[in-house]
Amino acid sequence: MRQVLPVVLGALCLAEPVQAQGSRSSYFAGAGLGPILQDRNGNDLLREFGTGYQVHVGRRLAQPLAVIVDLAYFFVPTPDVPPEPCGPDCFSSPQQTQLLMLAGTLSAERELTPVWLFASVGPSMHMILESPDGDGESGDGSIYPGVKASIGGRGRLTRWLSAFVEVSYHRLFSTPGGPPQGLGAGTVGVEID
């Protein structure tokens, strides 16, 4: 069974998409932005509303599946953290939280004319670039595993351009013994296919 699974997954990735998708290309790319909000499950990774920027590329497999690679940057200002007193030659702690996320998801889509609805889920990796926590674990470039799940829809604007709306949930699994962290993101953008 262990040897069969990689063969099946490899065949799916190399399989030609079915022609039932009409004029839609088998490859697509998109970009968008939108608000993000911390998961209020007792954590304080993201304390305020912030902004997320996302780019993605994907390939449609056999109907209705697609594989997608997402790269996102999340930025949240933290005005409730007072700046540390600092002279001209010292480093003050950051007043924002910044994360970089890379996810590979499997997406299922369904056409409900004139829109396509989709749901996706997959593993992700999150790097905390900057954080005001000062706990020695965040903001040091450490990479944390996680998962991304999303739902959304896209509608055709022109033959090669679509608009999309996505709501996603990102769950970070912190260092051993620590609580998982999470955030919700809404994205509005355009997609070329």
N, C-alpha and C. Protein backbone atom coordinates (compact mmCIF):
# COMPACT_ATOMS: atom_id res chain seq x y z
N MET A 1 0.82 -1.20 0.00
CA MET A 1 0.00 0.00 0.00
C MET A 1 0.86 1.26 0.00
N ARG A 2 2.01 1.23 0.69
CA ARG A 2 2.88 2.41 0.74
C ARG A 2 3.44 2.76 -0.62
N GLN A 3 3.68 1.75 -1.48
CA GLN A 3 4.20 2.04 -2.81
C GLN A 3 3.10 2.47 -3.77
N VAL A 4 1.87 2.10 -3.52
CA VAL A 4 0.77 2.42 -4.42
C VAL A 4 0.37 3.89 -4.31
N LEU A 5 0.32 4.44 -3.10
CA LEU A 5 -0.11 5.81 -2.91
C LEU A 5 0.73 6.82 -3.69
N PRO A 6 2.08 6.78 -3.65
CA PRO A 6 2.85 7.74 -4.45
C PRO A 6 2.60 7.60 -5.95
N VAL A 7 2.40 6.38 -6.42
CA VAL A 7 2.14 6.17 -7.84
C VAL A 7 0.81 6.79 -8.23
N VAL A 8 -0.22 6.60 -7.40
CA VAL A 8 -1.54 7.16 -7.69
C VAL A 8 -1.48 8.70 -7.66
N LEU A 9 -0.83 9.26 -6.65
CA LEU A 9 -0.72 10.72 -6.57
C LEU A 9 0.08 11.29 -7.74
N GLY A 10 1.14 10.61 -8.13
CA GLY A 10 1.93 11.05 -9.29
C GLY A 10 1.12 11.00 -10.57
N ALA A 11 0.32 9.93 -10.74
CA ALA A 11 -0.51 9.82 -11.93
C ALA A 11 -1.55 10.93 -11.99
N LEU A 12 -2.13 11.29 -10.83
CA LEU A 12 -3.10 12.38 -10.80
C LEU A 12 -2.47 13.70 -11.21
N CYS A 13 -1.25 13.95 -10.74
CA CYS A 13 -0.58 15.21 -11.06
C CYS A 13 -0.21 15.31 -12.53
N LEU A 14 0.10 14.18 -13.17
CA LEU A 14 0.50 14.18 -14.56
C LEU A 14 -0.67 13.98 -15.52
N ALA A 15 -1.83 13.61 -14.99
CA ALA A 15 -2.99 13.36 -15.83
C ALA A 15 -3.43 14.63 -16.53
N GLU A 16 -3.86 14.50 -17.79
CA GLU A 16 -4.40 15.65 -18.51
C GLU A 16 -5.77 15.98 -17.98
N PRO A 17 -6.07 17.25 -17.84
CA PRO A 17 -7.39 17.64 -17.37
C PRO A 17 -8.45 17.23 -18.39
N VAL A 18 -9.63 16.97 -17.94
CA VAL A 18 -10.71 16.57 -18.84
C VAL A 18 -11.16 17.78 -19.65
N GLN A 19 -11.66 17.55 -20.84
CA GLN A 19 -12.07 18.63 -21.73
C GLN A 19 -13.41 19.23 -21.34
N ALA A 20 -14.11 18.65 -20.37
CA ALA A 20 -15.42 19.15 -19.97
C ALA A 20 -15.35 20.53 -19.33
N GLN A 21 -14.15 21.02 -19.07
CA GLN A 21 -14.02 22.32 -18.43
C GLN A 21 -14.16 23.47 -19.42
N GLY A 22 -14.51 23.17 -20.66
CA GLY A 22 -14.75 24.23 -21.63
C GLY A 22 -13.49 24.99 -21.96
N SER A 23 -13.58 26.31 -21.97
CA SER A 23 -12.44 27.14 -22.37
C SER A 23 -11.46 27.37 -21.24
N ARG A 24 -11.69 26.80 -20.09
CA ARG A 24 -10.80 27.01 -18.95
C ARG A 24 -9.48 26.28 -19.18
N SER A 25 -8.39 26.97 -18.90
CA SER A 25 -7.06 26.40 -19.05
C SER A 25 -6.79 25.43 -17.91
N SER A 26 -5.84 24.53 -18.13
CA SER A 26 -5.50 23.60 -17.05
C SER A 26 -4.62 24.27 -16.00
N TYR A 27 -3.94 25.38 -16.36
CA TYR A 27 -3.09 26.10 -15.42
C TYR A 27 -3.71 27.46 -15.12
N PHE A 28 -3.50 27.95 -13.90
CA PHE A 28 -4.03 29.25 -13.53
C PHE A 28 -3.13 29.89 -12.48
N ALA A 29 -3.24 31.22 -12.36
CA ALA A 29 -2.48 31.98 -11.37
C ALA A 29 -3.34 33.15 -10.93
N GLY A 30 -3.16 33.57 -9.69
CA GLY A 30 -3.97 34.67 -9.19
C GLY A 30 -3.27 35.43 -8.08
N ALA A 31 -3.86 36.56 -7.74
CA ALA A 31 -3.34 37.39 -6.65
C ALA A 31 -4.51 38.12 -6.02
N GLY A 32 -4.38 38.38 -4.72
CA GLY A 32 -5.45 39.09 -4.03
C GLY A 32 -4.98 39.62 -2.70
N LEU A 33 -5.87 40.34 -2.05
CA LEU A 33 -5.59 40.87 -0.72
C LEU A 33 -6.88 40.95 0.06
N GLY A 34 -6.75 41.11 1.37
CA GLY A 34 -7.93 41.21 2.20
C GLY A 34 -7.59 41.25 3.67
N PRO A 35 -8.62 41.33 4.50
CA PRO A 35 -8.40 41.43 5.95
C PRO A 35 -8.09 40.07 6.57
N ILE A 36 -7.41 40.10 7.71
CA ILE A 36 -7.18 38.89 8.49
C ILE A 36 -7.55 39.19 9.95
N LEU A 37 -7.88 38.15 10.67
CA LEU A 37 -8.28 38.27 12.07
C LEU A 37 -7.75 37.08 12.84
N GLN A 38 -7.26 37.33 14.02
CA GLN A 38 -6.74 36.25 14.87
C GLN A 38 -7.85 35.31 15.30
N ASP A 39 -7.51 34.05 15.47
CA ASP A 39 -8.39 33.07 16.10
C ASP A 39 -8.39 33.41 17.59
N ARG A 40 -9.52 33.73 18.15
CA ARG A 40 -9.60 34.17 19.54
C ARG A 40 -9.75 32.98 20.48
N ASN A 41 -8.93 31.97 20.28
CA ASN A 41 -8.98 30.76 21.08
C ASN A 41 -7.91 30.80 22.17
N GLY A 42 -7.81 31.91 22.84
CA GLY A 42 -6.87 32.02 23.95
C GLY A 42 -5.46 32.33 23.54
N ASN A 43 -5.21 32.63 22.25
CA ASN A 43 -3.84 32.95 21.87
C ASN A 43 -3.74 34.44 21.57
N ASP A 44 -2.52 34.93 21.45
CA ASP A 44 -2.35 36.35 21.17
C ASP A 44 -1.33 36.59 20.07
N LEU A 45 -1.24 35.64 19.13
CA LEU A 45 -0.30 35.83 18.04
C LEU A 45 -0.67 37.07 17.23
N LEU A 46 -1.93 37.18 16.85
CA LEU A 46 -2.41 38.36 16.13
C LEU A 46 -3.48 39.01 16.97
N ARG A 47 -3.23 40.22 17.43
CA ARG A 47 -4.13 40.85 18.38
C ARG A 47 -5.18 41.74 17.71
N GLU A 48 -4.96 42.16 16.51
CA GLU A 48 -5.82 43.14 15.84
C GLU A 48 -6.14 42.64 14.43
N PHE A 49 -7.04 43.38 13.77
CA PHE A 49 -7.26 43.14 12.35
C PHE A 49 -6.01 43.53 11.59
N GLY A 50 -5.73 42.85 10.52
CA GLY A 50 -4.57 43.17 9.71
C GLY A 50 -4.89 42.98 8.24
N THR A 51 -3.84 42.90 7.44
CA THR A 51 -3.98 42.75 6.00
C THR A 51 -3.18 41.55 5.54
N GLY A 52 -3.73 40.83 4.59
CA GLY A 52 -3.05 39.71 3.99
C GLY A 52 -2.93 39.90 2.50
N TYR A 53 -1.81 39.47 1.94
CA TYR A 53 -1.55 39.51 0.50
C TYR A 53 -1.26 38.09 0.06
N GLN A 54 -1.87 37.66 -1.04
CA GLN A 54 -1.75 36.28 -1.47
C GLN A 54 -1.48 36.19 -2.96
N VAL A 55 -0.61 35.28 -3.35
CA VAL A 55 -0.44 34.89 -4.75
C VAL A 55 -0.54 33.37 -4.80
N HIS A 56 -1.06 32.86 -5.90
CA HIS A 56 -1.16 31.41 -6.02
C HIS A 56 -1.04 30.98 -7.47
N VAL A 57 -0.60 29.76 -7.65
CA VAL A 57 -0.57 29.10 -8.95
C VAL A 57 -1.20 27.73 -8.76
N GLY A 58 -1.80 27.23 -9.82
CA GLY A 58 -2.44 25.93 -9.70
C GLY A 58 -2.58 25.22 -11.02
N ARG A 59 -2.98 23.97 -10.93
CA ARG A 59 -3.23 23.15 -12.11
C ARG A 59 -4.49 22.35 -11.87
N ARG A 60 -5.40 22.44 -12.83
CA ARG A 60 -6.61 21.64 -12.76
C ARG A 60 -6.29 20.23 -13.20
N LEU A 61 -6.72 19.27 -12.41
CA LEU A 61 -6.53 17.87 -12.74
C LEU A 61 -7.84 17.37 -13.34
N ALA A 62 -8.13 16.11 -13.17
CA ALA A 62 -9.41 15.57 -13.61
C ALA A 62 -10.53 16.28 -12.85
N GLN A 63 -11.58 16.65 -13.55
CA GLN A 63 -12.72 17.34 -12.94
C GLN A 63 -13.18 16.59 -11.71
N PRO A 64 -13.34 17.16 -10.56
CA PRO A 64 -13.36 18.58 -10.20
C PRO A 64 -12.13 19.00 -9.41
N LEU A 65 -11.00 18.28 -9.51
CA LEU A 65 -9.85 18.52 -8.62
C LEU A 65 -8.81 19.46 -9.23
N ALA A 66 -8.14 20.20 -8.35
CA ALA A 66 -7.02 21.05 -8.74
C ALA A 66 -6.01 21.05 -7.59
N VAL A 67 -4.75 21.23 -7.93
CA VAL A 67 -3.72 21.42 -6.90
C VAL A 67 -3.28 22.88 -6.97
N ILE A 68 -3.08 23.48 -5.79
CA ILE A 68 -2.78 24.91 -5.70
C ILE A 68 -1.61 25.11 -4.74
N VAL A 69 -0.71 26.00 -5.11
CA VAL A 69 0.37 26.42 -4.22
C VAL A 69 0.13 27.89 -3.90
N ASP A 70 -0.03 28.19 -2.61
CA ASP A 70 -0.29 29.55 -2.13
C ASP A 70 0.93 30.11 -1.43
N LEU A 71 1.20 31.37 -1.66
CA LEU A 71 2.20 32.11 -0.89
C LEU A 71 1.49 33.35 -0.37
N ALA A 72 1.50 33.56 0.94
CA ALA A 72 0.80 34.69 1.53
C ALA A 72 1.68 35.40 2.54
N TYR A 73 1.44 36.69 2.67
CA TYR A 73 2.13 37.53 3.64
C TYR A 73 1.05 38.19 4.48
N PHE A 74 1.15 38.05 5.79
CA PHE A 74 0.18 38.63 6.72
C PHE A 74 0.87 39.68 7.58
N PHE A 75 0.23 40.82 7.72
CA PHE A 75 0.78 41.94 8.48
C PHE A 75 -0.29 42.45 9.43
N VAL A 76 0.03 42.51 10.72
CA VAL A 76 -0.93 43.01 11.71
C VAL A 76 -0.23 44.01 12.61
N PRO A 77 -0.67 45.29 12.60
CA PRO A 77 -0.11 46.26 13.54
C PRO A 77 -0.58 45.93 14.95
N THR A 78 0.25 46.19 15.93
CA THR A 78 -0.10 45.91 17.32
C THR A 78 0.08 47.19 18.13
N PRO A 79 -0.90 48.10 18.07
CA PRO A 79 -0.75 49.38 18.75
C PRO A 79 -0.81 49.28 20.26
N ASP A 80 -1.26 48.14 20.81
CA ASP A 80 -1.37 48.02 22.27
C ASP A 80 -0.04 47.68 22.92
N VAL A 81 1.02 47.47 22.13
CA VAL A 81 2.34 47.18 22.68
C VAL A 81 3.11 48.50 22.74
N PRO A 82 3.41 49.00 23.96
CA PRO A 82 4.13 50.27 24.04
C PRO A 82 5.58 50.10 23.58
N PRO A 83 6.11 51.09 22.88
CA PRO A 83 7.50 51.00 22.45
C PRO A 83 8.44 51.05 23.66
N GLU A 84 9.54 50.32 23.53
CA GLU A 84 10.54 50.32 24.60
C GLU A 84 11.37 51.59 24.50
N PRO A 85 11.77 52.18 25.65
CA PRO A 85 12.66 53.34 25.57
C PRO A 85 13.97 52.91 24.92
N CYS A 86 14.43 53.72 24.01
CA CYS A 86 15.59 53.30 23.23
C CYS A 86 16.37 54.52 22.78
N GLY A 87 17.67 54.41 22.83
CA GLY A 87 18.54 55.48 22.34
C GLY A 87 18.69 55.40 20.84
N PRO A 88 19.50 56.28 20.26
CA PRO A 88 19.63 56.32 18.80
C PRO A 88 20.34 55.10 18.21
N ASP A 89 21.11 54.37 19.02
CA ASP A 89 21.87 53.24 18.48
C ASP A 89 21.36 51.88 18.93
N CYS A 90 20.13 51.81 19.41
CA CYS A 90 19.64 50.51 19.86
C CYS A 90 18.43 50.09 19.04
N PHE A 91 18.08 48.83 19.14
CA PHE A 91 16.97 48.26 18.39
C PHE A 91 15.72 48.24 19.26
N SER A 92 14.66 48.83 18.78
CA SER A 92 13.38 48.82 19.49
C SER A 92 12.57 47.61 19.03
N SER A 93 11.77 47.04 19.92
CA SER A 93 10.98 45.88 19.55
C SER A 93 9.95 46.26 18.49
N PRO A 94 9.63 45.32 17.57
CA PRO A 94 8.70 45.64 16.50
C PRO A 94 7.30 45.92 17.02
N GLN A 95 6.56 46.75 16.30
CA GLN A 95 5.20 47.10 16.67
C GLN A 95 4.19 46.44 15.74
N GLN A 96 4.56 45.34 15.13
CA GLN A 96 3.67 44.60 14.27
C GLN A 96 4.06 43.13 14.27
N THR A 97 3.13 42.32 13.80
CA THR A 97 3.40 40.90 13.61
C THR A 97 3.36 40.65 12.11
N GLN A 98 4.38 39.96 11.61
CA GLN A 98 4.45 39.63 10.19
C GLN A 98 4.68 38.14 10.04
N LEU A 99 3.88 37.50 9.17
CA LEU A 99 4.02 36.08 8.91
C LEU A 99 4.09 35.84 7.41
N LEU A 100 4.83 34.83 7.03
CA LEU A 100 4.90 34.37 5.65
C LEU A 100 4.38 32.95 5.64
N MET A 101 3.46 32.63 4.72
CA MET A 101 2.84 31.31 4.68
C MET A 101 3.00 30.70 3.29
N LEU A 102 3.35 29.43 3.25
CA LEU A 102 3.42 28.65 2.02
C LEU A 102 2.55 27.43 2.23
N ALA A 103 1.59 27.21 1.32
CA ALA A 103 0.67 26.08 1.47
C ALA A 103 0.50 25.37 0.14
N GLY A 104 0.35 24.07 0.21
CA GLY A 104 0.00 23.25 -0.95
C GLY A 104 -1.35 22.63 -0.66
N THR A 105 -2.37 22.95 -1.46
CA THR A 105 -3.71 22.48 -1.16
C THR A 105 -4.29 21.68 -2.33
N LEU A 106 -5.21 20.82 -2.00
CA LEU A 106 -6.01 20.10 -2.98
C LEU A 106 -7.38 20.74 -2.97
N SER A 107 -7.86 21.15 -4.13
CA SER A 107 -9.11 21.89 -4.23
C SER A 107 -10.12 21.10 -5.04
N ALA A 108 -11.36 21.14 -4.61
CA ALA A 108 -12.48 20.56 -5.37
C ALA A 108 -13.38 21.72 -5.76
N GLU A 109 -13.80 21.76 -7.01
CA GLU A 109 -14.65 22.86 -7.47
C GLU A 109 -15.88 22.33 -8.17
N ARG A 110 -16.90 23.17 -8.17
CA ARG A 110 -18.18 22.79 -8.77
C ARG A 110 -18.74 24.02 -9.48
N GLU A 111 -19.22 23.81 -10.69
CA GLU A 111 -19.79 24.91 -11.46
C GLU A 111 -21.27 25.08 -11.13
N LEU A 112 -21.63 26.27 -10.73
CA LEU A 112 -23.02 26.68 -10.55
C LEU A 112 -23.17 27.96 -11.36
N THR A 113 -23.44 27.82 -12.64
CA THR A 113 -23.43 28.93 -13.58
C THR A 113 -24.10 30.15 -12.97
N PRO A 114 -23.46 31.30 -12.99
CA PRO A 114 -22.26 31.69 -13.70
C PRO A 114 -20.98 31.67 -12.85
N VAL A 115 -20.99 31.00 -11.71
CA VAL A 115 -19.80 30.98 -10.85
C VAL A 115 -19.32 29.55 -10.64
N TRP A 116 -18.07 29.46 -10.22
CA TRP A 116 -17.48 28.19 -9.78
C TRP A 116 -17.26 28.31 -8.28
N LEU A 117 -17.73 27.34 -7.52
CA LEU A 117 -17.49 27.30 -6.08
C LEU A 117 -16.35 26.33 -5.82
N PHE A 118 -15.55 26.58 -4.79
CA PHE A 118 -14.45 25.68 -4.49
C PHE A 118 -14.24 25.56 -2.98
N ALA A 119 -13.64 24.46 -2.60
CA ALA A 119 -13.19 24.21 -1.23
C ALA A 119 -11.83 23.56 -1.33
N SER A 120 -10.91 23.95 -0.46
CA SER A 120 -9.56 23.38 -0.51
C SER A 120 -9.02 23.18 0.89
N VAL A 121 -8.10 22.24 0.99
CA VAL A 121 -7.44 21.95 2.26
C VAL A 121 -6.05 21.38 1.96
N GLY A 122 -5.10 21.68 2.86
CA GLY A 122 -3.77 21.14 2.67
C GLY A 122 -2.80 21.63 3.73
N PRO A 123 -1.61 21.03 3.74
CA PRO A 123 -0.59 21.42 4.73
C PRO A 123 0.01 22.78 4.39
N SER A 124 0.53 23.43 5.42
CA SER A 124 1.17 24.73 5.22
C SER A 124 2.38 24.87 6.14
N MET A 125 3.23 25.80 5.79
CA MET A 125 4.38 26.16 6.60
C MET A 125 4.31 27.66 6.84
N HIS A 126 4.54 28.08 8.09
CA HIS A 126 4.44 29.49 8.47
C HIS A 126 5.75 29.94 9.09
N MET A 127 6.24 31.07 8.62
CA MET A 127 7.44 31.67 9.20
C MET A 127 7.03 32.98 9.85
N ILE A 128 7.32 33.12 11.14
CA ILE A 128 7.04 34.37 11.83
C ILE A 128 8.24 35.27 11.60
N LEU A 129 8.03 36.30 10.78
CA LEU A 129 9.12 37.20 10.41
C LEU A 129 9.41 38.22 11.49
N GLU A 130 8.35 38.70 12.15
CA GLU A 130 8.51 39.74 13.15
C GLU A 130 7.34 39.67 14.12
N SER A 131 7.62 39.83 15.39
CA SER A 131 6.57 39.79 16.40
C SER A 131 7.00 40.58 17.62
N PRO A 132 6.07 41.29 18.26
CA PRO A 132 6.43 42.07 19.45
C PRO A 132 6.47 41.23 20.72
N ASP A 133 6.24 39.93 20.64
CA ASP A 133 6.13 39.11 21.84
C ASP A 133 7.41 39.03 22.64
N GLY A 134 8.55 38.98 21.95
CA GLY A 134 9.82 38.93 22.65
C GLY A 134 10.00 37.68 23.50
N ASP A 135 9.36 36.58 23.10
CA ASP A 135 9.45 35.36 23.89
C ASP A 135 10.60 34.46 23.47
N GLY A 136 11.38 34.89 22.50
CA GLY A 136 12.50 34.08 22.05
C GLY A 136 12.11 33.01 21.05
N GLU A 137 10.82 32.79 20.87
CA GLU A 137 10.39 31.77 19.93
C GLU A 137 9.81 32.38 18.67
N SER A 138 9.24 33.56 18.75
CA SER A 138 8.62 34.15 17.57
C SER A 138 9.46 35.29 17.06
N GLY A 139 9.39 35.51 15.77
CA GLY A 139 10.13 36.59 15.15
C GLY A 139 11.56 36.24 14.85
N ASP A 140 11.96 35.01 15.07
CA ASP A 140 13.34 34.63 14.83
C ASP A 140 13.51 33.87 13.52
N GLY A 141 12.48 33.85 12.68
CA GLY A 141 12.55 33.13 11.42
C GLY A 141 12.24 31.66 11.54
N SER A 142 11.79 31.22 12.70
CA SER A 142 11.44 29.81 12.86
C SER A 142 10.24 29.47 11.99
N ILE A 143 10.23 28.23 11.52
CA ILE A 143 9.16 27.75 10.65
C ILE A 143 8.28 26.79 11.44
N TYR A 144 6.97 27.04 11.37
CA TYR A 144 6.00 26.21 12.08
C TYR A 144 5.08 25.52 11.08
N PRO A 145 4.84 24.23 11.25
CA PRO A 145 3.89 23.56 10.36
C PRO A 145 2.47 23.99 10.68
N GLY A 146 1.59 23.77 9.74
CA GLY A 146 0.19 24.13 9.95
C GLY A 146 -0.69 23.51 8.89
N VAL A 147 -1.91 24.01 8.82
CA VAL A 147 -2.87 23.54 7.83
C VAL A 147 -3.69 24.74 7.36
N LYS A 148 -4.10 24.70 6.10
CA LYS A 148 -4.95 25.74 5.53
C LYS A 148 -6.21 25.08 4.99
N ALA A 149 -7.36 25.68 5.28
CA ALA A 149 -8.64 25.23 4.73
C ALA A 149 -9.37 26.46 4.23
N SER A 150 -10.00 26.37 3.06
CA SER A 150 -10.68 27.53 2.51
C SER A 150 -11.89 27.15 1.67
N ILE A 151 -12.79 28.11 1.53
CA ILE A 151 -13.92 27.99 0.63
C ILE A 151 -14.03 29.31 -0.13
N GLY A 152 -14.65 29.27 -1.29
CA GLY A 152 -14.79 30.51 -2.04
C GLY A 152 -15.48 30.28 -3.36
N GLY A 153 -15.39 31.29 -4.20
CA GLY A 153 -16.00 31.23 -5.51
C GLY A 153 -15.28 32.14 -6.47
N ARG A 154 -15.45 31.84 -7.75
CA ARG A 154 -14.86 32.68 -8.79
C ARG A 154 -15.85 32.84 -9.92
N GLY A 155 -15.83 34.00 -10.53
CA GLY A 155 -16.70 34.29 -11.66
C GLY A 155 -15.90 34.86 -12.81
N ARG A 156 -16.26 34.50 -14.00
CA ARG A 156 -15.54 34.92 -15.19
C ARG A 156 -15.80 36.40 -15.49
N LEU A 157 -14.72 37.17 -15.72
CA LEU A 157 -14.82 38.57 -16.12
C LEU A 157 -14.63 38.71 -17.63
N THR A 158 -13.61 38.03 -18.14
CA THR A 158 -13.34 37.96 -19.57
C THR A 158 -12.98 36.52 -19.89
N ARG A 159 -12.58 36.27 -21.12
CA ARG A 159 -12.25 34.89 -21.49
C ARG A 159 -11.12 34.31 -20.65
N TRP A 160 -10.14 35.14 -20.29
CA TRP A 160 -8.97 34.65 -19.55
C TRP A 160 -8.85 35.20 -18.14
N LEU A 161 -9.80 36.00 -17.70
CA LEU A 161 -9.68 36.65 -16.40
C LEU A 161 -10.93 36.39 -15.56
N SER A 162 -10.70 36.01 -14.30
CA SER A 162 -11.79 35.76 -13.36
C SER A 162 -11.54 36.57 -12.09
N ALA A 163 -12.61 36.88 -11.38
CA ALA A 163 -12.52 37.47 -10.05
C ALA A 163 -12.80 36.36 -9.05
N PHE A 164 -12.11 36.37 -7.90
CA PHE A 164 -12.38 35.35 -6.90
C PHE A 164 -12.50 35.96 -5.52
N VAL A 165 -13.24 35.26 -4.68
CA VAL A 165 -13.41 35.60 -3.27
C VAL A 165 -13.14 34.33 -2.49
N GLU A 166 -12.32 34.42 -1.45
CA GLU A 166 -11.94 33.24 -0.67
C GLU A 166 -11.95 33.58 0.81
N VAL A 167 -12.46 32.68 1.62
CA VAL A 167 -12.38 32.79 3.07
C VAL A 167 -11.58 31.58 3.53
N SER A 168 -10.49 31.83 4.26
CA SER A 168 -9.62 30.72 4.65
C SER A 168 -9.31 30.76 6.14
N TYR A 169 -8.98 29.59 6.65
CA TYR A 169 -8.57 29.46 8.04
C TYR A 169 -7.19 28.83 8.06
N HIS A 170 -6.27 29.46 8.76
CA HIS A 170 -4.89 28.98 8.86
C HIS A 170 -4.63 28.58 10.30
N ARG A 171 -4.15 27.37 10.51
CA ARG A 171 -3.84 26.89 11.86
C ARG A 171 -2.35 26.62 11.94
N LEU A 172 -1.67 27.32 12.83
CA LEU A 172 -0.25 27.10 13.08
C LEU A 172 -0.12 26.16 14.26
N PHE A 173 0.78 25.20 14.14
CA PHE A 173 1.08 24.33 15.26
C PHE A 173 2.40 24.80 15.83
N SER A 174 2.34 25.31 17.05
CA SER A 174 3.53 25.92 17.65
C SER A 174 4.51 24.86 18.10
N THR A 175 5.56 25.31 18.76
CA THR A 175 6.58 24.40 19.25
C THR A 175 5.96 23.38 20.20
N PRO A 176 6.59 22.22 20.40
CA PRO A 176 6.02 21.18 21.26
C PRO A 176 5.62 21.73 22.62
N GLY A 177 4.40 21.39 23.03
CA GLY A 177 3.89 21.82 24.32
C GLY A 177 3.17 23.15 24.29
N GLY A 178 3.32 23.91 23.17
CA GLY A 178 2.66 25.21 23.08
C GLY A 178 1.31 25.08 22.41
N PRO A 179 0.44 26.06 22.62
CA PRO A 179 -0.88 26.00 22.00
C PRO A 179 -0.79 26.30 20.51
N PRO A 180 -1.67 25.71 19.70
CA PRO A 180 -1.68 26.08 18.28
C PRO A 180 -2.21 27.50 18.12
N GLN A 181 -1.78 28.17 17.09
CA GLN A 181 -2.22 29.52 16.78
C GLN A 181 -3.02 29.47 15.50
N GLY A 182 -3.94 30.42 15.32
CA GLY A 182 -4.73 30.41 14.11
C GLY A 182 -5.15 31.80 13.70
N LEU A 183 -5.54 31.92 12.43
CA LEU A 183 -6.08 33.16 11.93
C LEU A 183 -7.02 32.89 10.77
N GLY A 184 -7.97 33.79 10.63
CA GLY A 184 -8.91 33.73 9.52
C GLY A 184 -8.57 34.83 8.54
N ALA A 185 -8.70 34.55 7.25
CA ALA A 185 -8.37 35.53 6.23
C ALA A 185 -9.45 35.57 5.16
N GLY A 186 -9.75 36.75 4.71
CA GLY A 186 -10.64 36.94 3.58
C GLY A 186 -9.84 37.52 2.44
N THR A 187 -10.01 37.01 1.22
CA THR A 187 -9.23 37.48 0.10
C THR A 187 -10.14 37.76 -1.09
N VAL A 188 -9.91 38.89 -1.74
CA VAL A 188 -10.58 39.25 -2.98
C VAL A 188 -9.48 39.49 -3.99
N GLY A 189 -9.61 38.90 -5.18
CA GLY A 189 -8.55 39.08 -6.15
C GLY A 189 -8.96 38.69 -7.55
N VAL A 190 -7.97 38.61 -8.42
CA VAL A 190 -8.18 38.22 -9.80
C VAL A 190 -7.32 37.00 -10.12
N GLU A 191 -7.77 36.27 -11.12
CA GLU A 191 -7.11 35.03 -11.52
C GLU A 191 -7.05 34.96 -13.04
N ILE A 192 -5.92 34.55 -13.57
CA ILE A 192 -5.74 34.39 -15.00
C ILE A 192 -5.69 32.90 -15.30
N ASP A 193 -6.48 32.47 -16.29
CA ASP A 193 -6.40 31.06 -16.70
C ASP A 193 -6.67 30.91 -18.17
